[in-house]
Amino acid sequence: MKSETVILEAQGVVFFSQHDEAAFFEWLGKLDCVTNYEGAGIAIDISVEKDKVDEVQMRELLSLFNRYKINMNELAVLDCPEFSTWLHDEGGYWYKSMFG
């Protein structure tokens, strides 16, 4: 069975230096669930293979999106029973941005 790929849109990402930009793309490149990324106007489209998103990958995506002030609502499409319990913790720094 083929895994579903979703596109997360990172709009208006601000990089404060060349190394900051390089770090962002290096971070994306380290995530097993990210299969591709490319610029599209003022956005970066990030292709994510849903079957490869486990708790570790989800926490990394949350951290990346938080660090670069990307709309975390984009990540809601990756919610699944495997980590839904902690992901829906209203005390989590991501909760209001994702589900609120």
PDB file of N, CA and C in Angstrom:
ATOM      1  N   MET A   1       0.837  -1.172   0.000  1.00  0.00           N
ATOM      2  CA  MET A   1       0.000   0.000   0.000  1.00  0.00           C
ATOM      3  C   MET A   1       0.889   1.245   0.000  1.00  0.00           C
ATOM      4  N   LYS A   2       0.595   2.184  -0.840  1.00  0.00           N
ATOM      5  CA  LYS A   2       1.381   3.401  -0.967  1.00  0.00           C
ATOM      6  C   LYS A   2       1.013   4.380   0.149  1.00  0.00           C
ATOM      7  N   SER A   3       2.039   4.981   0.712  1.00  0.00           N
ATOM      8  CA  SER A   3       1.842   5.965   1.777  1.00  0.00           C
ATOM      9  C   SER A   3       1.283   7.261   1.200  1.00  0.00           C
ATOM     10  N   GLU A   4       0.444   7.908   1.985  1.00  0.00           N
ATOM     11  CA  GLU A   4      -0.117   9.195   1.571  1.00  0.00           C
ATOM     12  C   GLU A   4       0.899  10.304   1.836  1.00  0.00           C
ATOM     13  N   THR A   5       1.084  11.152   0.842  1.00  0.00           N
ATOM     14  CA  THR A   5       1.960  12.303   1.007  1.00  0.00           C
ATOM     15  C   THR A   5       1.101  13.547   1.121  1.00  0.00           C
ATOM     16  N   VAL A   6       1.408  14.375   2.113  1.00  0.00           N
ATOM     17  CA  VAL A   6       0.706  15.644   2.297  1.00  0.00           C
ATOM     18  C   VAL A   6       1.711  16.772   2.091  1.00  0.00           C
ATOM     19  N   ILE A   7       1.202  17.907   1.662  1.00  0.00           N
ATOM     20  CA  ILE A   7       2.030  19.088   1.472  1.00  0.00           C
ATOM     21  C   ILE A   7       1.723  20.080   2.585  1.00  0.00           C
ATOM     22  N   LEU A   8       2.741  20.405   3.361  1.00  0.00           N
ATOM     23  CA  LEU A   8       2.623  21.434   4.389  1.00  0.00           C
ATOM     24  C   LEU A   8       3.156  22.726   3.791  1.00  0.00           C
ATOM     25  N   GLU A   9       2.443  23.809   3.990  1.00  0.00           N
ATOM     26  CA  GLU A   9       2.853  25.081   3.418  1.00  0.00           C
ATOM     27  C   GLU A   9       3.423  25.985   4.507  1.00  0.00           C
ATOM     28  N   ALA A  10       4.688  26.303   4.369  1.00  0.00           N
ATOM     29  CA  ALA A  10       5.357  27.211   5.307  1.00  0.00           C
ATOM     30  C   ALA A  10       5.407  28.585   4.650  1.00  0.00           C
ATOM     31  N   GLN A  11       4.528  29.463   5.086  1.00  0.00           N
ATOM     32  CA  GLN A  11       4.429  30.797   4.477  1.00  0.00           C
ATOM     33  C   GLN A  11       5.244  31.823   5.246  1.00  0.00           C
ATOM     34  N   GLY A  12       5.874  32.687   4.500  1.00  0.00           N
ATOM     35  CA  GLY A  12       6.554  33.834   5.088  1.00  0.00           C
ATOM     36  C   GLY A  12       7.659  33.508   6.065  1.00  0.00           C
ATOM     37  N   VAL A  13       8.380  32.413   5.843  1.00  0.00           N
ATOM     38  CA  VAL A  13       9.467  32.052   6.747  1.00  0.00           C
ATOM     39  C   VAL A  13      10.548  33.133   6.660  1.00  0.00           C
ATOM     40  N   VAL A  14      10.985  33.607   7.817  1.00  0.00           N
ATOM     41  CA  VAL A  14      12.014  34.647   7.870  1.00  0.00           C
ATOM     42  C   VAL A  14      13.319  34.019   8.341  1.00  0.00           C
ATOM     43  N   PHE A  15      14.359  34.227   7.546  1.00  0.00           N
ATOM     44  CA  PHE A  15      15.699  33.782   7.915  1.00  0.00           C
ATOM     45  C   PHE A  15      16.512  35.020   8.261  1.00  0.00           C
ATOM     46  N   PHE A  16      17.276  34.948   9.343  1.00  0.00           N
ATOM     47  CA  PHE A  16      18.024  36.102   9.815  1.00  0.00           C
ATOM     48  C   PHE A  16      19.471  36.117   9.339  1.00  0.00           C
ATOM     49  N   SER A  17      19.892  35.039   8.688  1.00  0.00           N
ATOM     50  CA  SER A  17      21.235  34.981   8.120  1.00  0.00           C
ATOM     51  C   SER A  17      21.296  33.796   7.163  1.00  0.00           C
ATOM     52  N   GLN A  18      22.388  33.704   6.429  1.00  0.00           N
ATOM     53  CA  GLN A  18      22.562  32.565   5.520  1.00  0.00           C
ATOM     54  C   GLN A  18      22.653  31.262   6.299  1.00  0.00           C
ATOM     55  N   HIS A  19      23.323  31.307   7.455  1.00  0.00           N
ATOM     56  CA  HIS A  19      23.446  30.087   8.264  1.00  0.00           C
ATOM     57  C   HIS A  19      22.093  29.678   8.850  1.00  0.00           C
ATOM     58  N   ASP A  20      21.268  30.650   9.187  1.00  0.00           N
ATOM     59  CA  ASP A  20      19.927  30.365   9.695  1.00  0.00           C
ATOM     60  C   ASP A  20      19.114  29.643   8.621  1.00  0.00           C
ATOM     61  N   GLU A  21      19.176  30.136   7.409  1.00  0.00           N
ATOM     62  CA  GLU A  21      18.469  29.497   6.291  1.00  0.00           C
ATOM     63  C   GLU A  21      19.014  28.091   6.049  1.00  0.00           C
ATOM     64  N   ALA A  22      20.339  27.958   6.070  1.00  0.00           N
ATOM     65  CA  ALA A  22      20.955  26.643   5.866  1.00  0.00           C
ATOM     66  C   ALA A  22      20.521  25.668   6.961  1.00  0.00           C
ATOM     67  N   ALA A  23      20.441  26.162   8.204  1.00  0.00           N
ATOM     68  CA  ALA A  23      20.030  25.304   9.323  1.00  0.00           C
ATOM     69  C   ALA A  23      18.602  24.806   9.135  1.00  0.00           C
ATOM     70  N   PHE A  24      17.719  25.677   8.646  1.00  0.00           N
ATOM     71  CA  PHE A  24      16.321  25.297   8.400  1.00  0.00           C
ATOM     72  C   PHE A  24      16.252  24.127   7.416  1.00  0.00           C
ATOM     73  N   PHE A  25      16.931  24.270   6.288  1.00  0.00           N
ATOM     74  CA  PHE A  25      16.866  23.220   5.275  1.00  0.00           C
ATOM     75  C   PHE A  25      17.629  21.962   5.688  1.00  0.00           C
ATOM     76  N   GLU A  26      18.688  22.139   6.476  1.00  0.00           N
ATOM     77  CA  GLU A  26      19.395  20.977   7.008  1.00  0.00           C
ATOM     78  C   GLU A  26      18.485  20.192   7.945  1.00  0.00           C
ATOM     79  N   TRP A  27      17.726  20.922   8.792  1.00  0.00           N
ATOM     80  CA  TRP A  27      16.788  20.294   9.725  1.00  0.00           C
ATOM     81  C   TRP A  27      15.736  19.507   8.947  1.00  0.00           C
ATOM     82  N   LEU A  28      15.172  20.133   7.914  1.00  0.00           N
ATOM     83  CA  LEU A  28      14.194  19.422   7.088  1.00  0.00           C
ATOM     84  C   LEU A  28      14.804  18.155   6.491  1.00  0.00           C
ATOM     85  N   GLY A  29      16.040  18.263   6.025  1.00  0.00           N
ATOM     86  CA  GLY A  29      16.710  17.134   5.391  1.00  0.00           C
ATOM     87  C   GLY A  29      16.980  15.968   6.324  1.00  0.00           C
ATOM     88  N   LYS A  30      17.015  16.230   7.624  1.00  0.00           N
ATOM     89  CA  LYS A  30      17.251  15.173   8.604  1.00  0.00           C
ATOM     90  C   LYS A  30      15.989  14.401   8.972  1.00  0.00           C
ATOM     91  N   LEU A  31      14.834  14.898   8.578  1.00  0.00           N
ATOM     92  CA  LEU A  31      13.575  14.254   8.943  1.00  0.00           C
ATOM     93  C   LEU A  31      13.223  13.172   7.924  1.00  0.00           C
ATOM     94  N   ASP A  32      13.089  11.927   8.408  1.00  0.00           N
ATOM     95  CA  ASP A  32      12.783  10.802   7.522  1.00  0.00           C
ATOM     96  C   ASP A  32      11.441  10.947   6.815  1.00  0.00           C
ATOM     97  N   CYS A  33      10.521  11.656   7.443  1.00  0.00           N
ATOM     98  CA  CYS A  33       9.174  11.782   6.880  1.00  0.00           C
ATOM     99  C   CYS A  33       9.094  12.826   5.767  1.00  0.00           C
ATOM    100  N   VAL A  34      10.091  13.711   5.683  1.00  0.00           N
ATOM    101  CA  VAL A  34      10.092  14.759   4.656  1.00  0.00           C
ATOM    102  C   VAL A  34      10.713  14.189   3.390  1.00  0.00           C
ATOM    103  N   THR A  35       9.926  14.164   2.319  1.00  0.00           N
ATOM    104  CA  THR A  35      10.401  13.592   1.066  1.00  0.00           C
ATOM    105  C   THR A  35      10.856  14.642   0.063  1.00  0.00           C
ATOM    106  N   ASN A  36      10.407  15.887   0.238  1.00  0.00           N
ATOM    107  CA  ASN A  36      10.776  16.944  -0.689  1.00  0.00           C
ATOM    108  C   ASN A  36      10.411  18.295  -0.075  1.00  0.00           C
ATOM    109  N   TYR A  37      11.069  19.327  -0.532  1.00  0.00           N
ATOM    110  CA  TYR A  37      10.695  20.700  -0.181  1.00  0.00           C
ATOM    111  C   TYR A  37      11.155  21.605  -1.295  1.00  0.00           C
ATOM    112  N   GLU A  38      10.345  22.624  -1.555  1.00  0.00           N
ATOM    113  CA  GLU A  38      10.683  23.574  -2.612  1.00  0.00           C
ATOM    114  C   GLU A  38       9.961  24.885  -2.378  1.00  0.00           C
ATOM    115  N   GLY A  39      10.594  25.939  -2.830  1.00  0.00           N
ATOM    116  CA  GLY A  39       9.990  27.256  -2.711  1.00  0.00           C
ATOM    117  C   GLY A  39       8.897  27.442  -3.731  1.00  0.00           C
ATOM    118  N   ALA A  40       7.839  28.112  -3.317  1.00  0.00           N
ATOM    119  CA  ALA A  40       6.721  28.422  -4.204  1.00  0.00           C
ATOM    120  C   ALA A  40       6.246  29.832  -3.847  1.00  0.00           C
ATOM    121  N   GLY A  41       6.806  30.831  -4.510  1.00  0.00           N
ATOM    122  CA  GLY A  41       6.454  32.208  -4.174  1.00  0.00           C
ATOM    123  C   GLY A  41       7.000  32.563  -2.811  1.00  0.00           C
ATOM    124  N   ILE A  42       6.127  33.052  -1.924  1.00  0.00           N
ATOM    125  CA  ILE A  42       6.572  33.403  -0.570  1.00  0.00           C
ATOM    126  C   ILE A  42       6.436  32.232   0.401  1.00  0.00           C
ATOM    127  N   ALA A  43       6.178  31.049  -0.142  1.00  0.00           N
ATOM    128  CA  ALA A  43       5.975  29.867   0.700  1.00  0.00           C
ATOM    129  C   ALA A  43       6.990  28.781   0.350  1.00  0.00           C
ATOM    130  N   ILE A  44       7.174  27.871   1.291  1.00  0.00           N
ATOM    131  CA  ILE A  44       7.971  26.677   1.066  1.00  0.00           C
ATOM    132  C   ILE A  44       7.015  25.505   1.228  1.00  0.00           C
ATOM    133  N   ASP A  45       6.878  24.714   0.184  1.00  0.00           N
ATOM    134  CA  ASP A  45       6.036  23.523   0.238  1.00  0.00           C
ATOM    135  C   ASP A  45       6.885  22.359   0.737  1.00  0.00           C
ATOM    136  N   ILE A  46       6.409  21.722   1.790  1.00  0.00           N
ATOM    137  CA  ILE A  46       7.130  20.615   2.421  1.00  0.00           C
ATOM    138  C   ILE A  46       6.300  19.346   2.242  1.00  0.00           C
ATOM    139  N   SER A  47       6.831  18.382   1.496  1.00  0.00           N
ATOM    140  CA  SER A  47       6.141  17.107   1.268  1.00  0.00           C
ATOM    141  C   SER A  47       6.478  16.152   2.398  1.00  0.00           C
ATOM    142  N   VAL A  48       5.425  15.620   3.033  1.00  0.00           N
ATOM    143  CA  VAL A  48       5.596  14.729   4.177  1.00  0.00           C
ATOM    144  C   VAL A  48       4.855  13.423   3.912  1.00  0.00           C
ATOM    145  N   GLU A  49       5.555  12.320   4.101  1.00  0.00           N
ATOM    146  CA  GLU A  49       4.960  11.000   3.966  1.00  0.00           C
ATOM    147  C   GLU A  49       4.342  10.633   5.319  1.00  0.00           C
ATOM    148  N   LYS A  50       3.005  10.599   5.365  1.00  0.00           N
ATOM    149  CA  LYS A  50       2.288  10.434   6.646  1.00  0.00           C
ATOM    150  C   LYS A  50       2.674   9.167   7.404  1.00  0.00           C
ATOM    151  N   ASP A  51       2.897   8.066   6.700  1.00  0.00           N
ATOM    152  CA  ASP A  51       3.224   6.806   7.365  1.00  0.00           C
ATOM    153  C   ASP A  51       4.564   6.856   8.101  1.00  0.00           C
ATOM    154  N   LYS A  52       5.404   7.801   7.751  1.00  0.00           N
ATOM    155  CA  LYS A  52       6.712   7.904   8.391  1.00  0.00           C
ATOM    156  C   LYS A  52       6.722   8.874   9.569  1.00  0.00           C
ATOM    157  N   VAL A  53       5.582   9.491   9.851  1.00  0.00           N
ATOM    158  CA  VAL A  53       5.506  10.427  10.968  1.00  0.00           C
ATOM    159  C   VAL A  53       5.194   9.646  12.241  1.00  0.00           C
ATOM    160  N   ASP A  54       6.229   9.494  13.069  1.00  0.00           N
ATOM    161  CA  ASP A  54       6.051   8.879  14.377  1.00  0.00           C
ATOM    162  C   ASP A  54       6.180   9.982  15.427  1.00  0.00           C
ATOM    163  N   GLU A  55       6.217   9.614  16.687  1.00  0.00           N
ATOM    164  CA  GLU A  55       6.273  10.628  17.746  1.00  0.00           C
ATOM    165  C   GLU A  55       7.522  11.503  17.626  1.00  0.00           C
ATOM    166  N   VAL A  56       8.658  10.899  17.334  1.00  0.00           N
ATOM    167  CA  VAL A  56       9.910  11.659  17.220  1.00  0.00           C
ATOM    168  C   VAL A  56       9.827  12.644  16.058  1.00  0.00           C
ATOM    169  N   GLN A  57       9.349  12.182  14.901  1.00  0.00           N
ATOM    170  CA  GLN A  57       9.236  13.049  13.735  1.00  0.00           C
ATOM    171  C   GLN A  57       8.247  14.187  13.989  1.00  0.00           C
ATOM    172  N   MET A  58       7.143  13.868  14.669  1.00  0.00           N
ATOM    173  CA  MET A  58       6.140  14.899  14.967  1.00  0.00           C
ATOM    174  C   MET A  58       6.709  15.953  15.902  1.00  0.00           C
ATOM    175  N   ARG A  59       7.437  15.527  16.917  1.00  0.00           N
ATOM    176  CA  ARG A  59       8.037  16.491  17.838  1.00  0.00           C
ATOM    177  C   ARG A  59       9.057  17.375  17.121  1.00  0.00           C
ATOM    178  N   GLU A  60       9.791  16.812  16.189  1.00  0.00           N
ATOM    179  CA  GLU A  60      10.751  17.599  15.406  1.00  0.00           C
ATOM    180  C   GLU A  60      10.028  18.621  14.527  1.00  0.00           C
ATOM    181  N   LEU A  61       8.943  18.200  13.893  1.00  0.00           N
ATOM    182  CA  LEU A  61       8.173  19.139  13.066  1.00  0.00           C
ATOM    183  C   LEU A  61       7.585  20.261  13.918  1.00  0.00           C
ATOM    184  N   LEU A  62       7.069  19.907  15.086  1.00  0.00           N
ATOM    185  CA  LEU A  62       6.538  20.929  15.996  1.00  0.00           C
ATOM    186  C   LEU A  62       7.635  21.926  16.369  1.00  0.00           C
ATOM    187  N   SER A  63       8.798  21.420  16.700  1.00  0.00           N
ATOM    188  CA  SER A  63       9.914  22.289  17.080  1.00  0.00           C
ATOM    189  C   SER A  63      10.338  23.187  15.927  1.00  0.00           C
ATOM    190  N   LEU A  64      10.456  22.620  14.750  1.00  0.00           N
ATOM    191  CA  LEU A  64      10.852  23.382  13.564  1.00  0.00           C
ATOM    192  C   LEU A  64       9.843  24.480  13.256  1.00  0.00           C
ATOM    193  N   PHE A  65       8.562  24.109  13.252  1.00  0.00           N
ATOM    194  CA  PHE A  65       7.517  25.091  12.953  1.00  0.00           C
ATOM    195  C   PHE A  65       7.472  26.181  14.021  1.00  0.00           C
ATOM    196  N   ASN A  66       7.661  25.805  15.270  1.00  0.00           N
ATOM    197  CA  ASN A  66       7.667  26.792  16.349  1.00  0.00           C
ATOM    198  C   ASN A  66       8.866  27.734  16.214  1.00  0.00           C
ATOM    199  N   ARG A  67      10.030  27.182  15.992  1.00  0.00           N
ATOM    200  CA  ARG A  67      11.266  27.976  15.891  1.00  0.00           C
ATOM    201  C   ARG A  67      11.186  29.011  14.769  1.00  0.00           C
ATOM    202  N   TYR A  68      10.637  28.603  13.621  1.00  0.00           N
ATOM    203  CA  TYR A  68      10.591  29.489  12.461  1.00  0.00           C
ATOM    204  C   TYR A  68       9.235  30.175  12.300  1.00  0.00           C
ATOM    205  N   LYS A  69       8.423  30.107  13.335  1.00  0.00           N
ATOM    206  CA  LYS A  69       7.124  30.798  13.377  1.00  0.00           C
ATOM    207  C   LYS A  69       6.239  30.474  12.163  1.00  0.00           C
ATOM    208  N   ILE A  70       6.188  29.187  11.840  1.00  0.00           N
ATOM    209  CA  ILE A  70       5.337  28.693  10.759  1.00  0.00           C
ATOM    210  C   ILE A  70       4.004  28.290  11.375  1.00  0.00           C
ATOM    211  N   ASN A  71       2.921  28.565  10.689  1.00  0.00           N
ATOM    212  CA  ASN A  71       1.578  28.253  11.169  1.00  0.00           C
ATOM    213  C   ASN A  71       1.476  26.757  11.512  1.00  0.00           C
ATOM    214  N   MET A  72       1.358  26.458  12.806  1.00  0.00           N
ATOM    215  CA  MET A  72       1.300  25.067  13.253  1.00  0.00           C
ATOM    216  C   MET A  72       0.003  24.373  12.888  1.00  0.00           C
ATOM    217  N   ASN A  73      -0.989  25.146  12.499  1.00  0.00           N
ATOM    218  CA  ASN A  73      -2.231  24.537  12.044  1.00  0.00           C
ATOM    219  C   ASN A  73      -1.983  23.605  10.867  1.00  0.00           C
ATOM    220  N   GLU A  74      -0.935  23.871  10.105  1.00  0.00           N
ATOM    221  CA  GLU A  74      -0.549  23.008   8.981  1.00  0.00           C
ATOM    222  C   GLU A  74      -0.294  21.573   9.449  1.00  0.00           C
ATOM    223  N   LEU A  75       0.192  21.417  10.675  1.00  0.00           N
ATOM    224  CA  LEU A  75       0.563  20.099  11.193  1.00  0.00           C
ATOM    225  C   LEU A  75      -0.633  19.260  11.647  1.00  0.00           C
ATOM    226  N   ALA A  76      -1.787  19.869  11.789  1.00  0.00           N
ATOM    227  CA  ALA A  76      -2.973  19.137  12.281  1.00  0.00           C
ATOM    228  C   ALA A  76      -3.320  17.953  11.387  1.00  0.00           C
ATOM    229  N   VAL A  77      -3.005  18.038  10.122  1.00  0.00           N
ATOM    230  CA  VAL A  77      -3.299  16.957   9.174  1.00  0.00           C
ATOM    231  C   VAL A  77      -2.503  15.686   9.505  1.00  0.00           C
ATOM    232  N   LEU A  78      -1.467  15.815  10.316  1.00  0.00           N
ATOM    233  CA  LEU A  78      -0.628  14.664  10.674  1.00  0.00           C
ATOM    234  C   LEU A  78      -1.060  13.992  11.973  1.00  0.00           C
ATOM    235  N   ASP A  79      -2.086  14.528  12.629  1.00  0.00           N
ATOM    236  CA  ASP A  79      -2.605  13.950  13.870  1.00  0.00           C
ATOM    237  C   ASP A  79      -3.020  12.502  13.620  1.00  0.00           C
ATOM    238  N   CYS A  80      -2.638  11.619  14.532  1.00  0.00           N
ATOM    239  CA  CYS A  80      -3.033  10.208  14.409  1.00  0.00           C
ATOM    240  C   CYS A  80      -3.121   9.592  15.797  1.00  0.00           C
ATOM    241  N   PRO A  81      -3.794   8.450  15.937  1.00  0.00           N
ATOM    242  CA  PRO A  81      -3.983   7.824  17.252  1.00  0.00           C
ATOM    243  C   PRO A  81      -2.675   7.506  17.984  1.00  0.00           C
ATOM    244  N   GLU A  82      -1.591   7.252  17.238  1.00  0.00           N
ATOM    245  CA  GLU A  82      -0.308   6.881  17.849  1.00  0.00           C
ATOM    246  C   GLU A  82       0.180   7.920  18.854  1.00  0.00           C
ATOM    247  N   PHE A  83      -0.017   9.199  18.570  1.00  0.00           N
ATOM    248  CA  PHE A  83       0.445  10.243  19.484  1.00  0.00           C
ATOM    249  C   PHE A  83      -0.610  11.291  19.775  1.00  0.00           C
ATOM    250  N   SER A  84      -1.847  10.963  19.526  1.00  0.00           N
ATOM    251  CA  SER A  84      -2.939  11.904  19.731  1.00  0.00           C
ATOM    252  C   SER A  84      -3.082  12.326  21.197  1.00  0.00           C
ATOM    253  N   THR A  85      -2.804  11.422  22.131  1.00  0.00           N
ATOM    254  CA  THR A  85      -2.974  11.733  23.551  1.00  0.00           C
ATOM    255  C   THR A  85      -2.117  12.921  23.963  1.00  0.00           C
ATOM    256  N   TRP A  86      -0.819  12.873  23.687  1.00  0.00           N
ATOM    257  CA  TRP A  86       0.040  13.987  24.087  1.00  0.00           C
ATOM    258  C   TRP A  86      -0.118  15.184  23.159  1.00  0.00           C
ATOM    259  N   LEU A  87      -0.439  14.940  21.891  1.00  0.00           N
ATOM    260  CA  LEU A  87      -0.587  16.040  20.938  1.00  0.00           C
ATOM    261  C   LEU A  87      -1.785  16.924  21.303  1.00  0.00           C
ATOM    262  N   HIS A  88      -2.803  16.338  21.902  1.00  0.00           N
ATOM    263  CA  HIS A  88      -4.007  17.089  22.287  1.00  0.00           C
ATOM    264  C   HIS A  88      -3.945  17.600  23.734  1.00  0.00           C
ATOM    265  N   ASP A  89      -2.750  17.578  24.311  1.00  0.00           N
ATOM    266  CA  ASP A  89      -2.554  18.146  25.648  1.00  0.00           C
ATOM    267  C   ASP A  89      -2.673  19.663  25.535  1.00  0.00           C
ATOM    268  N   GLU A  90      -3.699  20.216  26.141  1.00  0.00           N
ATOM    269  CA  GLU A  90      -3.959  21.655  26.043  1.00  0.00           C
ATOM    270  C   GLU A  90      -2.845  22.501  26.646  1.00  0.00           C
ATOM    271  N   GLY A  91      -1.963  21.897  27.434  1.00  0.00           N
ATOM    272  CA  GLY A  91      -0.840  22.616  28.010  1.00  0.00           C
ATOM    273  C   GLY A  91       0.379  22.659  27.104  1.00  0.00           C
ATOM    274  N   GLY A  92       0.344  21.919  26.004  1.00  0.00           N
ATOM    275  CA  GLY A  92       1.478  21.902  25.079  1.00  0.00           C
ATOM    276  C   GLY A  92       1.625  23.243  24.368  1.00  0.00           C
ATOM    277  N   TYR A  93       2.858  23.682  24.168  1.00  0.00           N
ATOM    278  CA  TYR A  93       3.097  24.986  23.531  1.00  0.00           C
ATOM    279  C   TYR A  93       2.503  25.084  22.134  1.00  0.00           C
ATOM    280  N   TRP A  94       2.245  23.960  21.498  1.00  0.00           N
ATOM    281  CA  TRP A  94       1.720  23.911  20.147  1.00  0.00           C
ATOM    282  C   TRP A  94       0.193  23.888  20.082  1.00  0.00           C
ATOM    283  N   TYR A  95      -0.452  23.511  21.196  1.00  0.00           N
ATOM    284  CA  TYR A  95      -1.880  23.189  21.152  1.00  0.00           C
ATOM    285  C   TYR A  95      -2.756  24.288  20.549  1.00  0.00           C
ATOM    286  N   LYS A  96      -2.675  25.497  21.090  1.00  0.00           N
ATOM    287  CA  LYS A  96      -3.553  26.580  20.596  1.00  0.00           C
ATOM    288  C   LYS A  96      -3.276  26.894  19.127  1.00  0.00           C
ATOM    289  N   SER A  97      -2.024  26.851  18.738  1.00  0.00           N
ATOM    290  CA  SER A  97      -1.666  27.142  17.350  1.00  0.00           C
ATOM    291  C   SER A  97      -2.156  26.065  16.394  1.00  0.00           C
ATOM    292  N   MET A  98      -2.190  24.821  16.869  1.00  0.00           N
ATOM    293  CA  MET A  98      -2.621  23.718  16.009  1.00  0.00           C
ATOM    294  C   MET A  98      -4.135  23.533  15.983  1.00  0.00           C
ATOM    295  N   PHE A  99      -4.742  23.549  17.157  1.00  0.00           N
ATOM    296  CA  PHE A  99      -6.142  23.148  17.271  1.00  0.00           C
ATOM    297  C   PHE A  99      -7.080  24.263  17.746  1.00  0.00           C
ATOM    298  N   GLY A 100      -6.511  25.353  18.268  1.00  0.00           N
ATOM    299  CA  GLY A 100      -7.327  26.396  18.861  1.00  0.00           C
ATOM    300  C   GLY A 100      -7.899  27.263  17.825  1.00  0.00           C
TER     301      GLY A 100
END
